[in-house]
Amino acid sequence: MWVVTVFENKFVRFFEFADQGEAKQVLHRFQKNARLSFVE
């Protein structure tokens, strides 16, 4: 599972994806304040 973690002011948001391509698309929307990671 791919997880995009978005850091916004006082909040942290998580988005889960099965496909790496989808996760990368979302990651590009949050360029400066996000991180992509893989979780088994």
PDB file of N, CA and C in Angstrom:
ATOM      1  N   MET A   1       0.853  -1.163   0.000  1.00  0.00           N
ATOM      2  CA  MET A   1       0.000   0.000   0.000  1.00  0.00           C
ATOM      3  C   MET A   1       0.903   1.231   0.000  1.00  0.00           C
ATOM      4  N   TRP A   2       0.542   2.195  -0.795  1.00  0.00           N
ATOM      5  CA  TRP A   2       1.241   3.472  -0.873  1.00  0.00           C
ATOM      6  C   TRP A   2       0.487   4.507  -0.051  1.00  0.00           C
ATOM      7  N   VAL A   3       1.220   5.292   0.707  1.00  0.00           N
ATOM      8  CA  VAL A   3       0.600   6.295   1.573  1.00  0.00           C
ATOM      9  C   VAL A   3       1.202   7.665   1.266  1.00  0.00           C
ATOM     10  N   VAL A   4       0.337   8.624   1.011  1.00  0.00           N
ATOM     11  CA  VAL A   4       0.758  10.014   0.861  1.00  0.00           C
ATOM     12  C   VAL A   4       0.391  10.719   2.160  1.00  0.00           C
ATOM     13  N   THR A   5       1.398  11.276   2.812  1.00  0.00           N
ATOM     14  CA  THR A   5       1.201  12.018   4.045  1.00  0.00           C
ATOM     15  C   THR A   5       1.333  13.501   3.730  1.00  0.00           C
ATOM     16  N   VAL A   6       0.307  14.261   4.083  1.00  0.00           N
ATOM     17  CA  VAL A   6       0.283  15.696   3.795  1.00  0.00           C
ATOM     18  C   VAL A   6       0.296  16.454   5.115  1.00  0.00           C
ATOM     19  N   PHE A   7       1.237  17.384   5.242  1.00  0.00           N
ATOM     20  CA  PHE A   7       1.369  18.212   6.434  1.00  0.00           C
ATOM     21  C   PHE A   7       0.817  19.591   6.121  1.00  0.00           C
ATOM     22  N   GLU A   8      -0.256  19.987   6.825  1.00  0.00           N
ATOM     23  CA  GLU A   8      -0.901  21.275   6.612  1.00  0.00           C
ATOM     24  C   GLU A   8      -1.094  21.977   7.955  1.00  0.00           C
ATOM     25  N   ASN A   9      -0.366  23.052   8.149  1.00  0.00           N
ATOM     26  CA  ASN A   9      -0.464  23.846   9.376  1.00  0.00           C
ATOM     27  C   ASN A   9      -0.436  22.945  10.603  1.00  0.00           C
ATOM     28  N   LYS A  10      -1.546  22.784  11.290  1.00  0.00           N
ATOM     29  CA  LYS A  10      -1.592  21.969  12.503  1.00  0.00           C
ATOM     30  C   LYS A  10      -2.122  20.559  12.247  1.00  0.00           C
ATOM     31  N   PHE A  11      -2.378  20.209  11.006  1.00  0.00           N
ATOM     32  CA  PHE A  11      -3.009  18.938  10.684  1.00  0.00           C
ATOM     33  C   PHE A  11      -2.106  18.054   9.833  1.00  0.00           C
ATOM     34  N   VAL A  12      -2.314  16.752   9.955  1.00  0.00           N
ATOM     35  CA  VAL A  12      -1.644  15.763   9.112  1.00  0.00           C
ATOM     36  C   VAL A  12      -2.739  14.918   8.480  1.00  0.00           C
ATOM     37  N   ARG A  13      -2.687  14.774   7.146  1.00  0.00           N
ATOM     38  CA  ARG A  13      -3.689  13.993   6.420  1.00  0.00           C
ATOM     39  C   ARG A  13      -3.006  12.815   5.738  1.00  0.00           C
ATOM     40  N   PHE A  14      -3.694  11.669   5.694  1.00  0.00           N
ATOM     41  CA  PHE A  14      -3.162  10.468   5.067  1.00  0.00           C
ATOM     42  C   PHE A  14      -4.094  10.021   3.950  1.00  0.00           C
ATOM     43  N   PHE A  15      -3.502   9.653   2.813  1.00  0.00           N
ATOM     44  CA  PHE A  15      -4.241   9.111   1.687  1.00  0.00           C
ATOM     45  C   PHE A  15      -3.608   7.773   1.329  1.00  0.00           C
ATOM     46  N   GLU A  16      -4.408   6.723   1.235  1.00  0.00           N
ATOM     47  CA  GLU A  16      -3.906   5.378   0.951  1.00  0.00           C
ATOM     48  C   GLU A  16      -4.251   4.969  -0.471  1.00  0.00           C
ATOM     49  N   PHE A  17      -3.277   4.322  -1.148  1.00  0.00           N
ATOM     50  CA  PHE A  17      -3.458   3.888  -2.529  1.00  0.00           C
ATOM     51  C   PHE A  17      -2.858   2.505  -2.721  1.00  0.00           C
ATOM     52  N   ALA A  18      -3.477   1.708  -3.572  1.00  0.00           N
ATOM     53  CA  ALA A  18      -2.932   0.408  -3.936  1.00  0.00           C
ATOM     54  C   ALA A  18      -1.941   0.551  -5.092  1.00  0.00           C
ATOM     55  N   ASP A  19      -2.120   1.590  -5.903  1.00  0.00           N
ATOM     56  CA  ASP A  19      -1.316   1.788  -7.106  1.00  0.00           C
ATOM     57  C   ASP A  19      -0.341   2.948  -6.909  1.00  0.00           C
ATOM     58  N   GLN A  20       0.928   2.724  -7.227  1.00  0.00           N
ATOM     59  CA  GLN A  20       1.945   3.759  -7.058  1.00  0.00           C
ATOM     60  C   GLN A  20       1.682   4.952  -7.967  1.00  0.00           C
ATOM     61  N   GLY A  21       1.199   4.718  -9.172  1.00  0.00           N
ATOM     62  CA  GLY A  21       0.929   5.800 -10.112  1.00  0.00           C
ATOM     63  C   GLY A  21      -0.099   6.780  -9.583  1.00  0.00           C
ATOM     64  N   GLU A  22      -1.163   6.257  -9.001  1.00  0.00           N
ATOM     65  CA  GLU A  22      -2.192   7.130  -8.414  1.00  0.00           C
ATOM     66  C   GLU A  22      -1.617   7.948  -7.265  1.00  0.00           C
ATOM     67  N   ALA A  23      -0.813   7.297  -6.447  1.00  0.00           N
ATOM     68  CA  ALA A  23      -0.218   7.981  -5.298  1.00  0.00           C
ATOM     69  C   ALA A  23       0.685   9.117  -5.759  1.00  0.00           C
ATOM     70  N   LYS A  24       1.456   8.900  -6.820  1.00  0.00           N
ATOM     71  CA  LYS A  24       2.345   9.941  -7.323  1.00  0.00           C
ATOM     72  C   LYS A  24       1.573  11.120  -7.889  1.00  0.00           C
ATOM     73  N   GLN A  25       0.434  10.865  -8.503  1.00  0.00           N
ATOM     74  CA  GLN A  25      -0.393  11.958  -9.027  1.00  0.00           C
ATOM     75  C   GLN A  25      -0.865  12.866  -7.902  1.00  0.00           C
ATOM     76  N   VAL A  26      -1.308  12.250  -6.809  1.00  0.00           N
ATOM     77  CA  VAL A  26      -1.770  13.040  -5.660  1.00  0.00           C
ATOM     78  C   VAL A  26      -0.588  13.756  -5.016  1.00  0.00           C
ATOM     79  N   LEU A  27       0.542  13.091  -4.951  1.00  0.00           N
ATOM     80  CA  LEU A  27       1.738  13.700  -4.352  1.00  0.00           C
ATOM     81  C   LEU A  27       2.119  14.987  -5.071  1.00  0.00           C
ATOM     82  N   HIS A  28       1.994  15.025  -6.386  1.00  0.00           N
ATOM     83  CA  HIS A  28       2.350  16.215  -7.157  1.00  0.00           C
ATOM     84  C   HIS A  28       1.424  17.396  -6.866  1.00  0.00           C
ATOM     85  N   ARG A  29       0.232  17.136  -6.385  1.00  0.00           N
ATOM     86  CA  ARG A  29      -0.683  18.227  -6.010  1.00  0.00           C
ATOM     87  C   ARG A  29      -0.205  18.946  -4.757  1.00  0.00           C
ATOM     88  N   PHE A  30       0.484  18.210  -3.893  1.00  0.00           N
ATOM     89  CA  PHE A  30       0.992  18.761  -2.627  1.00  0.00           C
ATOM     90  C   PHE A  30       2.516  18.744  -2.663  1.00  0.00           C
ATOM     91  N   GLN A  31       3.120  19.453  -3.559  1.00  0.00           N
ATOM     92  CA  GLN A  31       4.546  19.346  -3.843  1.00  0.00           C
ATOM     93  C   GLN A  31       5.444  19.605  -2.641  1.00  0.00           C
ATOM     94  N   LYS A  32       5.205  20.669  -1.917  1.00  0.00           N
ATOM     95  CA  LYS A  32       6.160  21.071  -0.880  1.00  0.00           C
ATOM     96  C   LYS A  32       5.906  20.453   0.482  1.00  0.00           C
ATOM     97  N   ASN A  33       4.678  20.034   0.738  1.00  0.00           N
ATOM     98  CA  ASN A  33       4.351  19.617   2.107  1.00  0.00           C
ATOM     99  C   ASN A  33       3.808  18.191   2.181  1.00  0.00           C
ATOM    100  N   ALA A  34       4.353  17.290   1.340  1.00  0.00           N
ATOM    101  CA  ALA A  34       3.857  15.917   1.350  1.00  0.00           C
ATOM    102  C   ALA A  34       5.001  14.923   1.181  1.00  0.00           C
ATOM    103  N   ARG A  35       4.726  13.694   1.593  1.00  0.00           N
ATOM    104  CA  ARG A  35       5.714  12.625   1.509  1.00  0.00           C
ATOM    105  C   ARG A  35       5.023  11.343   1.052  1.00  0.00           C
ATOM    106  N   LEU A  36       5.704  10.608   0.185  1.00  0.00           N
ATOM    107  CA  LEU A  36       5.203   9.329  -0.311  1.00  0.00           C
ATOM    108  C   LEU A  36       5.963   8.203   0.363  1.00  0.00           C
ATOM    109  N   SER A  37       5.242   7.197   0.868  1.00  0.00           N
ATOM    110  CA  SER A  37       5.884   6.055   1.490  1.00  0.00           C
ATOM    111  C   SER A  37       5.144   4.774   1.141  1.00  0.00           C
ATOM    112  N   PHE A  38       5.844   3.648   1.282  1.00  0.00           N
ATOM    113  CA  PHE A  38       5.266   2.336   0.996  1.00  0.00           C
ATOM    114  C   PHE A  38       5.155   1.563   2.300  1.00  0.00           C
ATOM    115  N   VAL A  39       3.985   0.971   2.529  1.00  0.00           N
ATOM    116  CA  VAL A  39       3.738   0.193   3.747  1.00  0.00           C
ATOM    117  C   VAL A  39       3.254  -1.188   3.335  1.00  0.00           C
ATOM    118  N   GLU A  40       3.874  -2.203   3.883  1.00  0.00           N
ATOM    119  CA  GLU A  40       3.437  -3.573   3.551  1.00  0.00           C
ATOM    120  C   GLU A  40       2.276  -4.007   4.389  1.00  0.00           C
TER     121      GLU A  40
END
